[in-house]
Each structure stands twice: as structure tokens, then as C-alpha cells.
């Protein structure tokens, strides 16, 4: 994995702050492969208790905060509670 322990801690802290302490977090994409040259971070997030009316604002704030602190582009998929085929592949 191409993320430092500090970056992982930052990601967890910010996602839990924006989407709740029990939010699910999955990293996917090129950052999972040590030999790949990932230029950004891909995250899949399942919120814990975020009201629908503030989901868009929370998504925007998460991206802003992550990119500011990690200093790399961040793509995030936020799924408010639906289990997908993507998640069943784990």
C-alpha cells in the first residue's frame, strides 16, 4: 500500500469526523498496489448516521479537508447505506 501510517490516520480521523465513528472506509485503486504509480487516493465510504440533507456538504468538506492535509487529489464514493456488488467482493 502506498499510504503512510500518518496518511491512513488522517483519512480515518476525517472520515469519522464527517460521517460518524462507525463509518465504513475502503481504499481501492492504484494506492493498493505497491508497484503502481498512484497519483491520487480512491476511497469508498459508508456513512454512519449522516442525515440525507447534509450528505452533499459532508462529501464536499471531506474532499477539501483530505486534499488540504494529504496534499494529493482524493476521489471518494459515498454510499449512504446500500450494500453493493463492489462491497460483496471483499
C-alpha atoms as a PDB file:
ATOM      1  CA  UNK A   1       0.000   0.000   0.000  1.00  0.00           C
ATOM      2  CA  UNK A   2       1.281   3.433  -0.930  1.00  0.00           C
ATOM      3  CA  UNK A   3      -0.014   5.352   2.075  1.00  0.00           C
ATOM      4  CA  UNK A   4       1.978   6.242   5.156  1.00  0.00           C
ATOM      5  CA  UNK A   5       0.629   5.401   8.625  1.00  0.00           C
ATOM      6  CA  UNK A   6       0.133   9.152   9.143  1.00  0.00           C
ATOM      7  CA  UNK A   7      -1.937   9.454   5.962  1.00  0.00           C
ATOM      8  CA  UNK A   8      -4.072   6.465   6.990  1.00  0.00           C
ATOM      9  CA  UNK A   9      -4.669   8.011  10.430  1.00  0.00           C
ATOM     10  CA  UNK A  10      -5.612  11.339   8.805  1.00  0.00           C
ATOM     11  CA  UNK A  11      -8.063   9.633   6.447  1.00  0.00           C
ATOM     12  CA  UNK A  12      -9.715   7.706   9.279  1.00  0.00           C
ATOM     13  CA  UNK A  13      -9.920  10.753  11.535  1.00  0.00           C
ATOM     14  CA  UNK A  14     -11.503  12.973   8.882  1.00  0.00           C
ATOM     15  CA  UNK A  15     -13.973  10.367   7.628  1.00  0.00           C
ATOM     16  CA  UNK A  16     -15.094   9.513  11.152  1.00  0.00           C
ATOM     17  CA  UNK A  17     -15.422  13.230  11.883  1.00  0.00           C
ATOM     18  CA  UNK A  18     -17.578  13.896   8.822  1.00  0.00           C
ATOM     19  CA  UNK A  19     -19.539  10.634   8.620  1.00  0.00           C
ATOM     20  CA  UNK A  20     -19.634   9.168  12.141  1.00  0.00           C
ATOM     21  CA  UNK A  21     -17.452   6.926  14.284  1.00  0.00           C
ATOM     22  CA  UNK A  22     -18.813   3.744  12.709  1.00  0.00           C
ATOM     23  CA  UNK A  23     -18.477   4.870   9.086  1.00  0.00           C
ATOM     24  CA  UNK A  24     -17.051   2.171   6.831  1.00  0.00           C
ATOM     25  CA  UNK A  25     -13.894   3.061   4.919  1.00  0.00           C
ATOM     26  CA  UNK A  26     -12.357   1.168   1.992  1.00  0.00           C
ATOM     27  CA  UNK A  27      -9.330   2.114  -0.063  1.00  0.00           C
ATOM     28  CA  UNK A  28      -9.334   0.981  -3.690  1.00  0.00           C
ATOM     29  CA  UNK A  29      -7.462   1.706  -6.889  1.00  0.00           C
ATOM     30  CA  UNK A  30      -3.776   2.166  -7.584  1.00  0.00           C
ATOM     31  CA  UNK A  31      -2.809   3.015  -3.994  1.00  0.00           C
ATOM     32  CA  UNK A  32      -3.354  -0.661  -3.075  1.00  0.00           C
ATOM     33  CA  UNK A  33      -0.599  -1.821  -5.426  1.00  0.00           C
ATOM     34  CA  UNK A  34       2.928  -1.030  -4.288  1.00  0.00           C
ATOM     35  CA  UNK A  35       4.300  -1.264  -7.855  1.00  0.00           C
ATOM     36  CA  UNK A  36       1.679   1.112  -9.283  1.00  0.00           C
ATOM     37  CA  UNK A  37       2.227   4.845  -9.540  1.00  0.00           C
ATOM     38  CA  UNK A  38      -0.936   6.189  -7.990  1.00  0.00           C
ATOM     39  CA  UNK A  39      -1.353   9.928  -8.286  1.00  0.00           C
ATOM     40  CA  UNK A  40      -4.494  10.133  -6.190  1.00  0.00           C
ATOM     41  CA  UNK A  41      -6.380   8.295  -3.441  1.00  0.00           C
ATOM     42  CA  UNK A  42      -9.634   6.420  -4.123  1.00  0.00           C
ATOM     43  CA  UNK A  43     -11.932   5.962  -1.124  1.00  0.00           C
ATOM     44  CA  UNK A  44     -15.290   4.244  -0.683  1.00  0.00           C
ATOM     45  CA  UNK A  45     -17.222   5.426   2.396  1.00  0.00           C
ATOM     46  CA  UNK A  46     -20.426   4.194   4.003  1.00  0.00           C
ATOM     47  CA  UNK A  47     -21.638   6.899   6.427  1.00  0.00           C
ATOM     48  CA  UNK A  48     -22.922   6.244   9.918  1.00  0.00           C
ATOM     49  CA  UNK A  49     -25.926   8.394  10.744  1.00  0.00           C
ATOM     50  CA  UNK A  50     -25.406  11.368   8.422  1.00  0.00           C
ATOM     51  CA  UNK A  51     -28.751  12.978   7.551  1.00  0.00           C
ATOM     52  CA  UNK A  52     -29.541  12.968   3.806  1.00  0.00           C
ATOM     53  CA  UNK A  53     -29.838  16.752   3.694  1.00  0.00           C
ATOM     54  CA  UNK A  54     -26.207  17.220   4.772  1.00  0.00           C
ATOM     55  CA  UNK A  55     -24.630  14.367   2.800  1.00  0.00           C
ATOM     56  CA  UNK A  56     -23.558  16.574  -0.109  1.00  0.00           C
ATOM     57  CA  UNK A  57     -21.975  19.140   2.201  1.00  0.00           C
ATOM     58  CA  UNK A  58     -20.166  16.424   4.156  1.00  0.00           C
ATOM     59  CA  UNK A  59     -18.806  14.909   0.912  1.00  0.00           C
ATOM     60  CA  UNK A  60     -17.502  18.286  -0.236  1.00  0.00           C
ATOM     61  CA  UNK A  61     -15.944  19.083   3.137  1.00  0.00           C
ATOM     62  CA  UNK A  62     -14.275  15.663   3.302  1.00  0.00           C
ATOM     63  CA  UNK A  63     -12.639  16.114  -0.088  1.00  0.00           C
ATOM     64  CA  UNK A  64     -11.474  19.637   0.769  1.00  0.00           C
ATOM     65  CA  UNK A  65     -10.016  18.564   4.116  1.00  0.00           C
ATOM     66  CA  UNK A  66      -8.328  15.414   2.796  1.00  0.00           C
ATOM     67  CA  UNK A  67      -6.723  17.184  -0.151  1.00  0.00           C
ATOM     68  CA  UNK A  68      -5.519  20.020   2.059  1.00  0.00           C
ATOM     69  CA  UNK A  69      -3.912  17.706   4.621  1.00  0.00           C
ATOM     70  CA  UNK A  70      -2.669  14.912   2.331  1.00  0.00           C
ATOM     71  CA  UNK A  71      -1.623  17.290  -0.468  1.00  0.00           C
ATOM     72  CA  UNK A  72      -2.802  14.851  -3.156  1.00  0.00           C
ATOM     73  CA  UNK A  73      -6.072  14.542  -5.098  1.00  0.00           C
ATOM     74  CA  UNK A  74      -8.769  12.413  -3.472  1.00  0.00           C
ATOM     75  CA  UNK A  75     -11.672  10.691  -5.214  1.00  0.00           C
ATOM     76  CA  UNK A  76     -14.398   9.473  -2.895  1.00  0.00           C
ATOM     77  CA  UNK A  77     -17.512   7.418  -3.378  1.00  0.00           C
ATOM     78  CA  UNK A  78     -20.006   7.894  -0.553  1.00  0.00           C
ATOM     79  CA  UNK A  79     -22.802   5.337  -0.348  1.00  0.00           C
ATOM     80  CA  UNK A  80     -25.356   6.087   2.372  1.00  0.00           C
ATOM     81  CA  UNK A  81     -26.136   2.553   3.459  1.00  0.00           C
ATOM     82  CA  UNK A  82     -26.723   0.367   0.425  1.00  0.00           C
ATOM     83  CA  UNK A  83     -24.723  -2.826   0.031  1.00  0.00           C
ATOM     84  CA  UNK A  84     -23.331  -3.017  -3.487  1.00  0.00           C
ATOM     85  CA  UNK A  85     -21.740  -5.720  -5.617  1.00  0.00           C
ATOM     86  CA  UNK A  86     -18.446  -3.859  -5.076  1.00  0.00           C
ATOM     87  CA  UNK A  87     -18.688  -4.394  -1.302  1.00  0.00           C
ATOM     88  CA  UNK A  88     -19.706  -8.065  -1.601  1.00  0.00           C
ATOM     89  CA  UNK A  89     -16.400  -8.838  -3.364  1.00  0.00           C
ATOM     90  CA  UNK A  90     -14.324  -8.496  -0.173  1.00  0.00           C
END
